[in-house]
Amino acid sequence: MKKYMSKRGIHISDYEMKNEEEKNFQLDLLRKTFGSIQDLIVVIDRDLRIVTSNWKNCESIPSRDKQGHPYCYSCLLKRNTPCEPCHLLEVFTTGICKRFDIEDPLDGKTKSVELSPIFDDNNRVTMVVRHSKDITERINVEKILKMRERQHAAVAKLGQHGLSGVELDLLMKESVKLVAQTLDVEYCRIMKQEKDGNLVMLAGVGWEEDSNRTEGISQEEEGGNGQDILCYTLYNGEPGIVEARETKDKFSGYSLLRDHGLVSGMDVLIGRRDKPFGTMNVHTTQKRMFTEDDIHFVQSVANVLAESISRKENEERLEKYTKELEDTTGLKVLFTDILTHDLLNPANIIRGFTEELIRLEDDKSKQKLLDKVHKNNEKLIEMMESAAKFIKLESVSNIRFEEQDIVPILEKTISAFKDNIGKKDITLVFKPASNCRIMANPLIEEVFVNLLSNAIKYSPKKERIIISSMDLGDKCRVQITDFGPGISNEDKPRIFERFRQADKGSVKGSGLGLAIVKRIVDLHKGEVGVDDNPLGTGSIFWVNLKKCD
């Protein structure tokens, strides 16, 4: 085997010379390749020395440390001794690539490091290429995405719990815990503004031991507009840091925050801006810039709370209204009992005695007085009976309907008023339709009883009343036409309201008969109205009822 003299005056063999030349060739190739790569790449030999590198892409390493062939651990990691464990030695031993992330001590950034072996002809690892890539931005983006994911999950969880009817105090406690965990802050609380201007803490994380101190805090002590708090972020549409205007000592207006060492925070309103329920406060001991996403997250939580608070208030109002409605219904029932028993019974007794006295009395003047008493008592009885019927109809919530023919109902109504019709010598004309079957409750008879009674009452003697029914396709119409004084256009819209009577010259009465008619028709989902009689004076009262399918 031939031996040669190297440049350093050392005899080397053909094999060693070949390896040296191969190594130099590989290094030249690597240097050319490194020039186009922006990441820091160094080549390290088995002695852990840096053979070559694209130093120009790493300004974090001082020029003096780039001289010669420094140890990798001293140049790249600022260590006096090799790392334990040493990933390089592992690659030299196994010949397998190694990947890991580190916080680079040179610039404090997060780097992804890849160690790749270089083999000689005998498949022996002679060098390792260390590729260091800055992944700080990627890590930050991943952190932001994870933070957003946690924020969205927290809002969704609170929203679900809010919709499921969780008690408000429990929802508030869960809210402050989730916000503190998600934003990684030490303090979070919900403050309610009382009518006297003081703020009271309803739920808090980090404030539990000092909860008594928050009782009675005024707005000035709490922070007012937050302009003097060091590095304090307020919800004003966009994120920002507000520094103390003078010195940190000017923190005196915020003793509660100062005593806890708090330097950053955020406040958002819970509820409407013109009528807020309170605020959600986030505080931390770190000087921190809250991002727009952070602000939107806390505001979303506050919106969930506001919605739950609003729903709770509506439920309480509804419960109160239901109680009042139950009380009102009870009063209606009581009033109905009083009308039908305590008042109507004595009125009927007066009716009996008055009719007997009229029959026995021969004195015309006394008969006239007794007749007035009788008529007014009859009017009183009619009013009480109408009122009792209306009260019962007002409390009807579920009535049963069955298929009925409208014609027999009208015939039954006409038959009940034969005597009244005969006394006034009224001609009654009945024009029934052949096919008018409706879904109705027996209450429907009261509609036609009231309308026909009014027509008879206000029709002159020897006049006509026309009752007709007609098929309107999906509806059946019943009309009762009279030739009485008629109803003015001004009175038409209001005569179906309870206790509303028409003016002089129009329909008079207790003010309940037509209200009862409308209530029953409404229960049947029908329509009722009044028009002028085109054949002369008087009115046409009409009712539209839905036909059977």
Protein backbone atom coordinates (compact mmCIF):
# COMPACT_ATOMS: atom_id res chain seq x y z
CA MET A 1 0.00 0.00 0.00
CA LYS A 2 1.39 3.37 -0.98
CA LYS A 3 1.78 6.15 1.50
CA TYR A 4 1.71 9.85 0.80
CA MET A 5 2.72 12.90 2.71
CA SER A 6 -0.21 15.14 3.54
CA LYS A 7 -0.02 18.93 3.68
CA ARG A 8 0.35 18.67 7.44
CA GLY A 9 3.42 16.45 7.07
CA ILE A 10 1.63 13.26 8.15
CA HIS A 11 1.87 10.01 6.19
CA ILE A 12 -1.58 8.74 5.13
CA SER A 13 -2.63 5.65 3.20
CA ASP A 14 -4.48 5.41 -0.14
CA TYR A 15 -7.73 4.60 1.76
CA GLU A 16 -7.41 7.54 4.06
CA MET A 17 -6.56 9.82 1.17
CA LYS A 18 -9.63 8.65 -0.67
CA ASN A 19 -11.84 9.26 2.34
CA GLU A 20 -10.38 12.71 2.79
CA GLU A 21 -11.04 13.58 -0.84
CA GLU A 22 -14.60 12.21 -0.60
CA LYS A 23 -15.22 14.21 2.52
CA ASN A 24 -13.95 17.41 0.90
CA PHE A 25 -16.12 16.73 -2.13
CA GLN A 26 -19.17 16.27 0.03
CA LEU A 27 -18.43 19.44 2.00
CA ASP A 28 -18.04 21.47 -1.20
CA LEU A 29 -21.36 20.12 -2.41
CA LEU A 30 -23.02 20.92 0.91
CA ARG A 31 -21.64 24.47 0.93
CA LYS A 32 -23.10 25.12 -2.50
CA THR A 33 -26.45 23.69 -1.41
CA PHE A 34 -26.51 25.65 1.86
CA GLY A 35 -26.17 28.96 0.05
CA SER A 36 -29.75 28.79 -1.23
CA ILE A 37 -31.31 27.79 2.09
CA GLN A 38 -32.52 30.47 4.52
CA ASP A 39 -32.72 28.20 7.59
CA LEU A 40 -29.60 27.65 9.71
CA ILE A 41 -27.77 24.47 8.61
CA VAL A 42 -24.55 23.18 10.14
CA VAL A 43 -22.54 20.03 9.48
CA ILE A 44 -21.11 18.35 12.60
CA ASP A 45 -18.42 15.65 12.73
CA ARG A 46 -18.04 12.78 15.17
CA ASP A 47 -16.06 15.01 17.53
CA LEU A 48 -19.16 17.26 17.81
CA ARG A 49 -17.35 20.02 15.96
CA ILE A 50 -18.99 22.18 13.33
CA VAL A 51 -17.32 21.42 10.01
CA THR A 52 -19.25 23.89 7.89
CA SER A 53 -22.39 26.02 8.01
CA ASN A 54 -24.38 28.74 6.26
CA TRP A 55 -23.46 31.15 9.08
CA LYS A 56 -24.62 34.14 7.09
CA ASN A 57 -28.23 33.13 7.76
CA CYS A 58 -27.78 33.28 11.54
CA GLU A 59 -27.05 36.72 12.98
CA SER A 60 -27.69 35.43 16.52
CA ILE A 61 -24.24 33.79 16.65
CA PRO A 62 -21.39 36.25 17.29
CA SER A 63 -18.64 36.39 14.65
CA ARG A 64 -15.96 35.16 17.07
CA ASP A 65 -17.99 31.97 17.74
CA LYS A 66 -18.01 31.23 14.02
CA GLN A 67 -14.20 31.08 13.83
CA GLY A 68 -12.60 27.68 13.14
CA HIS A 69 -14.56 24.55 14.05
CA PRO A 70 -16.33 25.25 17.38
CA TYR A 71 -18.18 22.60 19.34
CA CYS A 72 -21.84 22.46 18.44
CA TYR A 73 -23.03 22.65 22.05
CA SER A 74 -20.97 25.77 22.83
CA CYS A 75 -21.74 27.61 19.60
CA LEU A 76 -25.38 26.68 19.09
CA LEU A 77 -26.63 26.00 22.62
CA LYS A 78 -24.30 28.18 24.76
CA ARG A 79 -23.23 25.22 26.88
CA ASN A 80 -19.86 24.31 28.34
CA THR A 81 -20.49 20.58 28.15
CA PRO A 82 -22.32 18.29 25.70
CA CYS A 83 -26.07 17.90 26.08
CA GLU A 84 -27.48 15.07 28.12
CA PRO A 85 -28.82 13.11 26.36
CA CYS A 86 -27.05 14.04 23.13
CA HIS A 87 -29.26 13.58 20.06
CA LEU A 88 -26.23 13.91 17.77
CA LEU A 89 -24.46 10.94 19.33
CA GLU A 90 -27.71 8.98 18.97
CA VAL A 91 -27.75 9.70 15.21
CA PHE A 92 -24.06 8.83 14.87
CA THR A 93 -24.76 5.51 16.61
CA THR A 94 -28.07 4.53 14.96
CA GLY A 95 -27.81 6.24 11.59
CA ILE A 96 -31.47 7.25 11.97
CA CYS A 97 -32.78 10.80 11.48
CA LYS A 98 -33.89 12.62 14.62
CA ARG A 99 -36.48 15.42 14.85
CA PHE A 100 -37.40 17.56 17.89
CA ASP A 101 -38.46 21.09 18.88
CA ILE A 102 -36.46 23.35 21.19
CA GLU A 103 -36.52 26.89 22.49
CA ASP A 104 -33.41 28.30 20.84
CA PRO A 105 -31.17 29.92 23.49
CA LEU A 106 -29.66 32.15 20.77
CA ASP A 107 -32.83 34.14 20.07
CA GLY A 108 -35.49 32.63 22.32
CA LYS A 109 -37.60 31.47 19.39
CA THR A 110 -39.09 28.03 18.96
CA LYS A 111 -37.16 25.97 16.45
CA SER A 112 -37.74 22.64 14.78
CA VAL A 113 -34.45 20.73 14.58
CA GLU A 114 -33.77 17.85 12.21
CA LEU A 115 -30.56 15.77 12.41
CA SER A 116 -29.71 13.83 9.23
CA PRO A 117 -26.76 11.40 8.96
CA ILE A 118 -24.11 11.41 6.14
CA PHE A 119 -22.65 7.98 5.35
CA ASP A 120 -19.32 6.99 3.78
CA ASP A 121 -18.80 4.07 1.38
CA ASN A 122 -18.68 1.65 4.30
CA ASN A 123 -22.12 2.84 5.48
CA ARG A 124 -20.52 4.51 8.45
CA VAL A 125 -21.91 7.85 9.73
CA THR A 126 -19.14 10.37 9.27
CA MET A 127 -21.09 13.62 9.73
CA VAL A 128 -24.56 14.84 10.74
CA VAL A 129 -26.43 17.72 9.13
CA ARG A 130 -28.32 19.85 11.68
CA HIS A 131 -31.22 21.74 10.08
CA SER A 132 -32.84 24.37 12.36
CA LYS A 133 -36.12 25.97 11.20
CA ASP A 134 -37.93 28.83 12.97
CA ILE A 135 -41.50 27.66 13.73
CA THR A 136 -42.40 30.43 16.19
CA GLU A 137 -45.03 31.90 13.88
CA ARG A 138 -46.55 28.49 13.23
CA ILE A 139 -46.63 27.74 16.97
CA ASN A 140 -48.26 31.10 17.66
CA VAL A 141 -50.87 30.47 14.97
CA GLU A 142 -51.53 27.02 16.42
CA LYS A 143 -51.88 28.56 19.88
CA ILE A 144 -54.32 31.14 18.54
CA LEU A 145 -56.33 28.45 16.75
CA LYS A 146 -56.39 26.29 19.87
CA MET A 147 -57.39 29.31 21.94
CA ARG A 148 -60.21 30.11 19.53
CA GLU A 149 -61.29 26.47 19.59
CA ARG A 150 -61.39 26.55 23.40
CA GLN A 151 -63.26 29.84 23.32
CA HIS A 152 -65.87 28.56 20.87
CA ALA A 153 -66.26 25.35 22.87
CA ALA A 154 -66.69 27.36 26.10
CA VAL A 155 -69.35 29.62 24.56
CA ALA A 156 -71.15 26.60 23.05
CA LYS A 157 -71.07 24.79 26.40
CA LEU A 158 -72.45 27.80 28.27
CA GLY A 159 -75.09 28.37 25.60
CA GLN A 160 -76.20 24.75 25.85
CA HIS A 161 -76.39 24.94 29.63
CA GLY A 162 -78.25 28.23 29.41
CA LEU A 163 -80.85 26.74 27.05
CA SER A 164 -81.20 23.64 29.21
CA GLY A 165 -82.49 25.78 32.07
CA VAL A 166 -79.53 25.61 34.45
CA GLU A 167 -80.04 27.84 37.48
CA LEU A 168 -78.72 31.33 36.84
CA ASP A 169 -76.32 31.40 39.81
CA LEU A 170 -74.79 28.08 38.71
CA LEU A 171 -74.46 29.34 35.13
CA MET A 172 -72.64 32.45 36.37
CA LYS A 173 -70.22 30.39 38.48
CA GLU A 174 -69.50 28.12 35.53
CA SER A 175 -69.02 31.16 33.26
CA VAL A 176 -66.29 32.79 35.36
CA LYS A 177 -64.45 29.47 35.71
CA LEU A 178 -64.51 28.80 31.97
CA VAL A 179 -63.42 32.33 31.10
CA ALA A 180 -60.52 32.21 33.59
CA GLN A 181 -59.37 28.80 32.32
CA THR A 182 -59.74 29.66 28.63
CA LEU A 183 -57.93 33.01 28.83
CA ASP A 184 -55.42 31.70 31.40
CA VAL A 185 -56.04 34.56 33.83
CA GLU A 186 -56.09 34.50 37.62
CA TYR A 187 -59.25 36.51 38.20
CA CYS A 188 -62.71 36.68 36.66
CA ARG A 189 -65.93 37.90 38.21
CA ILE A 190 -69.47 39.06 37.49
CA MET A 191 -70.52 42.35 39.07
CA LYS A 192 -74.13 43.49 39.28
CA GLN A 193 -74.97 47.17 39.51
CA GLU A 194 -77.58 47.83 42.19
CA LYS A 195 -80.12 50.65 42.10
CA ASP A 196 -78.07 52.65 44.61
CA GLY A 197 -75.07 52.62 42.23
CA ASN A 198 -73.03 50.06 44.20
CA LEU A 199 -71.60 46.93 42.62
CA VAL A 200 -72.05 43.48 44.12
CA MET A 201 -70.13 40.38 43.05
CA LEU A 202 -72.41 37.49 42.04
CA ALA A 203 -69.70 35.01 41.00
CA GLY A 204 -65.91 35.07 40.93
CA VAL A 205 -62.70 33.12 40.46
CA GLY A 206 -59.70 34.29 42.47
CA TRP A 207 -61.85 36.70 44.48
CA GLU A 208 -63.49 34.17 46.79
CA GLU A 209 -61.45 35.05 49.87
CA ASP A 210 -62.08 38.75 49.33
CA SER A 211 -65.72 38.52 48.29
CA ASN A 212 -66.83 40.56 51.29
CA ARG A 213 -64.60 43.40 50.18
CA THR A 214 -66.48 43.70 46.91
CA GLU A 215 -69.75 44.39 48.70
CA GLY A 216 -70.67 48.02 48.36
CA ILE A 217 -67.86 48.99 45.98
CA SER A 218 -68.81 52.19 44.22
CA GLN A 219 -68.23 52.74 40.53
CA GLU A 220 -65.38 55.14 41.29
CA GLU A 221 -63.59 52.56 43.42
CA GLU A 222 -64.19 49.82 40.90
CA GLY A 223 -62.44 51.71 38.17
CA GLY A 224 -64.79 54.23 36.62
CA ASN A 225 -63.74 54.44 32.98
CA GLY A 226 -60.45 52.58 33.55
CA GLN A 227 -58.20 55.32 32.21
CA ASP A 228 -55.75 55.25 35.19
CA ILE A 229 -55.23 51.50 35.36
CA LEU A 230 -51.81 50.41 34.21
CA CYS A 231 -52.00 48.41 30.99
CA TYR A 232 -55.76 48.03 31.29
CA THR A 233 -57.74 46.87 28.25
CA LEU A 234 -61.31 48.09 27.94
CA TYR A 235 -64.02 46.92 25.57
CA ASN A 236 -64.26 49.92 23.29
CA GLY A 237 -64.63 48.23 19.92
CA GLU A 238 -60.96 47.36 19.40
CA PRO A 239 -58.16 46.10 21.66
CA GLY A 240 -55.66 48.44 23.22
CA ILE A 241 -53.36 48.99 26.18
CA VAL A 242 -54.02 51.99 28.38
CA GLU A 243 -50.99 53.06 30.37
CA ALA A 244 -51.19 55.07 33.59
CA ARG A 245 -51.08 58.72 32.64
CA GLU A 246 -48.50 59.70 35.22
CA THR A 247 -46.92 57.01 37.37
CA LYS A 248 -47.76 53.64 38.75
CA ASP A 249 -48.35 55.37 42.11
CA LYS A 250 -51.39 57.03 40.55
CA PHE A 251 -53.11 53.67 40.97
CA SER A 252 -54.84 54.96 44.12
CA GLY A 253 -58.35 54.89 42.65
CA TYR A 254 -58.12 51.13 42.20
CA SER A 255 -57.00 49.90 45.59
CA LEU A 256 -58.74 46.54 45.27
CA LEU A 257 -56.94 45.76 42.01
CA ARG A 258 -53.64 47.26 43.16
CA ASP A 259 -53.61 45.20 46.36
CA HIS A 260 -53.86 42.04 44.25
CA GLY A 261 -51.02 43.13 41.98
CA LEU A 262 -53.30 43.32 38.96
CA VAL A 263 -51.99 45.25 36.00
CA SER A 264 -54.13 44.08 33.06
CA GLY A 265 -57.82 43.51 32.65
CA MET A 266 -60.93 43.74 30.56
CA ASP A 267 -64.54 44.74 31.26
CA VAL A 268 -67.57 43.89 29.13
CA LEU A 269 -71.20 44.75 29.67
CA ILE A 270 -73.82 42.14 30.47
CA GLY A 271 -77.10 43.22 28.93
CA ARG A 272 -78.14 46.24 26.92
CA ARG A 273 -75.91 49.29 26.91
CA ASP A 274 -78.81 51.57 27.86
CA LYS A 275 -79.89 49.25 30.68
CA PRO A 276 -77.05 46.89 31.66
CA PHE A 277 -77.41 44.11 34.20
CA GLY A 278 -73.75 44.47 35.20
CA THR A 279 -70.26 43.65 33.94
CA MET A 280 -67.92 40.72 33.53
CA ASN A 281 -64.36 41.59 34.64
CA VAL A 282 -61.18 39.74 33.66
CA HIS A 283 -57.93 40.54 35.54
CA THR A 284 -54.37 39.23 35.51
CA THR A 285 -51.07 40.05 37.18
CA GLN A 286 -49.31 39.89 33.80
CA LYS A 287 -48.90 42.89 31.55
CA ARG A 288 -50.94 41.57 28.69
CA MET A 289 -52.49 42.74 25.47
CA PHE A 290 -55.93 41.18 25.10
CA THR A 291 -56.67 40.43 21.46
CA GLU A 292 -59.85 41.21 19.58
CA ASP A 293 -60.68 37.49 19.72
CA ASP A 294 -60.32 37.58 23.52
CA ILE A 295 -62.67 40.54 23.71
CA HIS A 296 -65.24 38.91 21.43
CA PHE A 297 -65.02 35.71 23.46
CA VAL A 298 -65.75 37.44 26.78
CA GLN A 299 -68.50 39.50 25.12
CA SER A 300 -70.04 36.28 23.74
CA VAL A 301 -70.06 34.79 27.24
CA ALA A 302 -71.64 38.00 28.53
CA ASN A 303 -74.27 37.76 25.77
CA VAL A 304 -75.11 34.18 26.79
CA LEU A 305 -75.53 35.38 30.37
CA ALA A 306 -77.64 38.35 29.23
CA GLU A 307 -79.91 36.03 27.26
CA SER A 308 -80.27 33.68 30.24
CA ILE A 309 -80.96 36.61 32.57
CA SER A 310 -83.56 37.98 30.15
CA ARG A 311 -85.21 34.56 29.86
CA LYS A 312 -85.22 34.20 33.65
CA GLU A 313 -86.83 37.61 34.04
CA ASN A 314 -89.43 36.70 31.39
CA GLU A 315 -90.14 33.42 33.19
CA GLU A 316 -90.61 35.29 36.45
CA ARG A 317 -92.91 37.81 34.76
CA LEU A 318 -94.84 34.97 33.13
CA GLU A 319 -95.11 33.16 36.46
CA LYS A 320 -96.34 36.36 38.09
CA TYR A 321 -98.79 36.94 35.26
CA THR A 322 -100.02 33.35 35.52
CA LYS A 323 -100.56 33.80 39.24
CA GLU A 324 -102.43 37.04 38.61
CA LEU A 325 -104.44 35.31 35.89
CA GLU A 326 -105.30 32.48 38.26
CA ASP A 327 -106.33 35.03 40.87
CA THR A 328 -108.38 36.88 38.26
CA THR A 329 -110.05 33.66 37.14
CA GLY A 330 -110.83 32.88 40.77
CA LEU A 331 -112.37 36.31 41.16
CA LYS A 332 -114.41 35.77 37.99
CA VAL A 333 -115.72 32.47 39.33
CA LEU A 334 -116.52 34.14 42.66
CA PHE A 335 -118.22 37.05 40.90
CA THR A 336 -120.22 34.61 38.75
CA ASP A 337 -121.37 32.77 41.86
CA ILE A 338 -122.38 36.06 43.46
CA LEU A 339 -124.32 37.03 40.32
CA THR A 340 -126.08 33.70 39.90
CA HIS A 341 -126.81 33.08 43.57
CA ASP A 342 -126.52 36.04 45.88
CA LEU A 343 -127.89 38.67 43.43
CA LEU A 344 -129.95 36.81 40.86
CA ASN A 345 -132.01 34.89 43.41
CA PRO A 346 -133.29 38.02 45.21
CA ALA A 347 -133.99 39.62 41.80
CA ASN A 348 -136.11 36.61 40.81
CA ILE A 349 -137.99 36.86 44.13
CA ILE A 350 -138.67 40.54 43.37
CA ARG A 351 -139.91 39.47 39.91
CA GLY A 352 -142.39 37.00 41.42
CA PHE A 353 -143.77 39.38 44.01
CA THR A 354 -144.00 42.26 41.50
CA GLU A 355 -145.90 40.17 38.95
CA GLU A 356 -148.30 39.03 41.72
CA LEU A 357 -148.85 42.61 42.90
CA ILE A 358 -149.53 43.80 39.34
CA ARG A 359 -152.12 41.05 38.98
CA LEU A 360 -153.84 41.93 42.30
CA GLU A 361 -153.64 45.75 42.10
CA ASP A 362 -156.68 47.58 40.66
CA ASP A 363 -155.32 51.09 41.03
CA LYS A 364 -154.02 52.14 37.61
CA SER A 365 -151.41 54.54 38.99
CA LYS A 366 -150.04 51.86 41.31
CA GLN A 367 -150.05 49.34 38.48
CA LYS A 368 -148.00 51.79 36.43
CA LEU A 369 -145.42 52.13 39.22
CA LEU A 370 -145.30 48.37 39.74
CA ASP A 371 -144.85 47.91 35.98
CA LYS A 372 -141.81 50.23 36.04
CA VAL A 373 -140.35 48.26 38.95
CA HIS A 374 -140.95 45.03 37.05
CA LYS A 375 -139.35 46.30 33.82
CA ASN A 376 -136.25 47.59 35.60
CA ASN A 377 -135.95 44.37 37.59
CA GLU A 378 -136.20 42.41 34.33
CA LYS A 379 -133.42 44.59 32.90
CA LEU A 380 -131.34 43.92 36.02
CA ILE A 381 -131.88 40.16 35.69
CA GLU A 382 -130.94 40.29 32.00
CA MET A 383 -127.71 42.17 32.81
CA MET A 384 -126.74 39.70 35.54
CA GLU A 385 -127.46 36.67 33.36
CA SER A 386 -125.50 38.20 30.45
CA ALA A 387 -122.57 39.08 32.70
CA ALA A 388 -122.49 35.55 34.14
CA LYS A 389 -122.50 34.07 30.62
CA PHE A 390 -119.72 36.38 29.47
CA ILE A 391 -117.51 35.63 32.47
CA LYS A 392 -117.87 31.91 31.82
CA LEU A 393 -117.01 32.41 28.15
CA GLU A 394 -113.90 34.42 29.07
CA SER A 395 -112.57 31.48 31.08
CA VAL A 396 -113.27 28.86 28.40
CA SER A 397 -109.93 27.39 27.26
CA ASN A 398 -111.01 24.16 25.59
CA ILE A 399 -114.48 23.44 24.24
CA ARG A 400 -115.62 20.47 22.18
CA PHE A 401 -117.03 20.80 18.66
CA GLU A 402 -119.26 18.42 16.75
CA GLU A 403 -120.79 18.39 13.30
CA GLN A 404 -124.17 20.15 13.21
CA ASP A 405 -126.67 21.38 10.61
CA ILE A 406 -127.26 25.12 10.95
CA VAL A 407 -130.94 24.95 9.88
CA PRO A 408 -132.29 23.03 12.93
CA ILE A 409 -130.39 25.40 15.22
CA LEU A 410 -132.09 28.41 13.59
CA GLU A 411 -135.49 26.70 13.66
CA LYS A 412 -135.09 26.03 17.41
CA THR A 413 -134.16 29.68 18.00
CA ILE A 414 -137.20 30.95 16.03
CA SER A 415 -139.50 28.59 17.94
CA ALA A 416 -138.26 29.96 21.27
CA PHE A 417 -139.31 33.52 20.29
CA LYS A 418 -142.78 32.83 18.82
CA ASP A 419 -144.59 34.58 21.67
CA ASN A 420 -142.33 37.65 21.49
CA ILE A 421 -142.83 37.83 17.73
CA GLY A 422 -146.60 37.46 18.10
CA LYS A 423 -146.89 40.23 20.72
CA LYS A 424 -145.38 42.78 18.29
CA ASP A 425 -147.20 41.34 15.28
CA ILE A 426 -143.88 40.93 13.47
CA THR A 427 -143.65 38.98 10.23
CA LEU A 428 -140.69 36.61 10.34
CA VAL A 429 -139.31 35.35 7.02
CA PHE A 430 -136.98 32.31 7.16
CA LYS A 431 -134.82 31.53 4.10
CA PRO A 432 -132.58 28.54 4.94
CA ALA A 433 -129.84 27.12 2.72
CA SER A 434 -129.91 23.41 1.92
CA ASN A 435 -126.26 22.53 2.72
CA CYS A 436 -124.78 24.27 5.74
CA ARG A 437 -123.12 21.80 8.08
CA ILE A 438 -120.64 23.28 10.55
CA MET A 439 -118.39 22.15 13.39
CA ALA A 440 -119.98 23.80 16.43
CA ASN A 441 -120.51 23.68 20.16
CA PRO A 442 -124.00 24.04 21.66
CA LEU A 443 -122.89 27.54 22.69
CA ILE A 444 -123.55 28.59 19.07
CA GLU A 445 -127.30 28.70 19.82
CA GLU A 446 -126.64 31.66 22.15
CA VAL A 447 -125.37 33.66 19.15
CA PHE A 448 -128.64 33.45 17.26
CA VAL A 449 -130.71 33.85 20.44
CA ASN A 450 -128.96 37.18 21.15
CA LEU A 451 -129.18 38.44 17.56
CA LEU A 452 -132.87 37.52 17.13
CA SER A 453 -133.73 38.91 20.57
CA ASN A 454 -132.19 42.27 19.61
CA ALA A 455 -133.94 42.26 16.24
CA ILE A 456 -137.33 41.72 17.93
CA LYS A 457 -136.61 44.23 20.70
CA TYR A 458 -135.69 47.10 18.36
CA SER A 459 -138.08 46.38 15.47
CA PRO A 460 -141.25 48.47 15.24
CA LYS A 461 -144.61 46.67 15.54
CA LYS A 462 -145.93 45.00 12.41
CA GLU A 463 -142.49 45.04 10.74
CA ARG A 464 -140.47 42.25 9.19
CA ILE A 465 -137.47 40.23 10.34
CA ILE A 466 -135.66 38.13 7.75
CA ILE A 467 -133.50 35.18 8.80
CA SER A 468 -131.46 33.54 6.07
CA SER A 469 -128.56 31.13 5.70
CA MET A 470 -126.41 30.71 2.63
CA ASP A 471 -123.58 28.55 1.35
CA LEU A 472 -120.35 30.53 0.69
CA GLY A 473 -118.23 27.56 -0.36
CA ASP A 474 -115.98 26.88 2.63
CA LYS A 475 -118.18 28.97 4.94
CA CYS A 476 -121.80 29.20 5.94
CA ARG A 477 -123.32 32.66 6.49
CA VAL A 478 -126.34 33.41 8.68
CA GLN A 479 -127.99 36.83 8.38
CA ILE A 480 -130.68 38.42 10.58
CA THR A 481 -132.18 41.49 8.91
CA ASP A 482 -134.35 43.97 10.82
CA PHE A 483 -136.12 47.22 9.87
CA GLY A 484 -135.44 49.05 13.10
CA PRO A 485 -133.60 52.34 13.74
CA GLY A 486 -130.26 50.97 12.48
CA ILE A 487 -126.75 51.56 13.78
CA SER A 488 -124.55 54.53 12.91
CA ASN A 489 -121.25 53.99 11.10
CA GLU A 490 -119.44 55.43 14.12
CA ASP A 491 -120.97 52.80 16.43
CA LYS A 492 -120.55 49.77 14.15
CA PRO A 493 -116.86 49.04 15.02
CA ARG A 494 -117.45 49.06 18.81
CA ILE A 495 -120.85 47.52 19.49
CA PHE A 496 -119.27 44.06 19.87
CA GLU A 497 -117.04 45.27 22.72
CA ARG A 498 -118.19 44.42 26.22
CA PHE A 499 -119.98 47.17 28.12
CA ARG A 500 -120.00 49.37 25.02
CA GLN A 501 -123.42 50.53 23.86
CA ALA A 502 -124.37 52.47 20.79
CA ASP A 503 -125.38 56.10 21.04
CA LYS A 504 -128.93 57.39 21.03
CA GLY A 505 -130.98 56.18 18.14
CA SER A 506 -128.95 52.94 17.89
CA VAL A 507 -128.95 49.65 19.81
CA LYS A 508 -129.10 49.99 23.59
CA GLY A 509 -128.91 47.39 26.32
CA SER A 510 -126.58 45.91 28.92
CA GLY A 511 -123.56 46.15 26.65
CA LEU A 512 -122.86 42.41 26.95
CA GLY A 513 -125.20 40.67 24.50
CA LEU A 514 -123.19 41.42 21.37
CA ALA A 515 -119.90 40.91 23.26
CA ILE A 516 -121.12 37.41 24.12
CA VAL A 517 -121.96 36.86 20.45
CA LYS A 518 -118.47 37.87 19.33
CA ARG A 519 -116.76 35.77 22.01
CA ILE A 520 -118.65 32.62 20.96
CA VAL A 521 -118.00 33.26 17.26
CA ASP A 522 -114.30 33.79 18.02
CA LEU A 523 -114.20 30.45 19.85
CA HIS A 524 -115.54 28.90 16.62
CA LYS A 525 -112.86 30.79 14.63
CA GLY A 526 -115.61 32.56 12.73
CA GLU A 527 -116.49 36.16 11.89
CA VAL A 528 -119.34 38.45 12.94
CA GLY A 529 -120.34 41.91 11.73
CA VAL A 530 -123.12 44.35 10.97
CA ASP A 531 -124.15 46.19 7.78
CA ASP A 532 -126.91 48.60 6.89
CA ASN A 533 -130.16 47.12 5.58
CA PRO A 534 -130.22 47.92 1.83
CA LEU A 535 -134.02 47.42 1.75
CA GLY A 536 -134.68 50.38 4.05
CA THR A 537 -133.93 51.36 7.62
CA GLY A 538 -132.44 48.81 10.01
CA SER A 539 -129.43 46.51 10.07
CA ILE A 540 -128.16 43.17 8.90
CA PHE A 541 -126.22 41.21 11.53
CA TRP A 542 -124.22 38.43 9.91
CA VAL A 543 -122.12 35.49 11.13
CA ASN A 544 -119.65 33.45 9.04
CA LEU A 545 -118.83 29.95 10.31
CA LYS A 546 -116.45 27.43 8.80
CA LYS A 547 -118.15 24.48 7.11
CA CYS A 548 -117.22 20.87 7.77
CA ASP A 549 -114.40 19.51 5.56
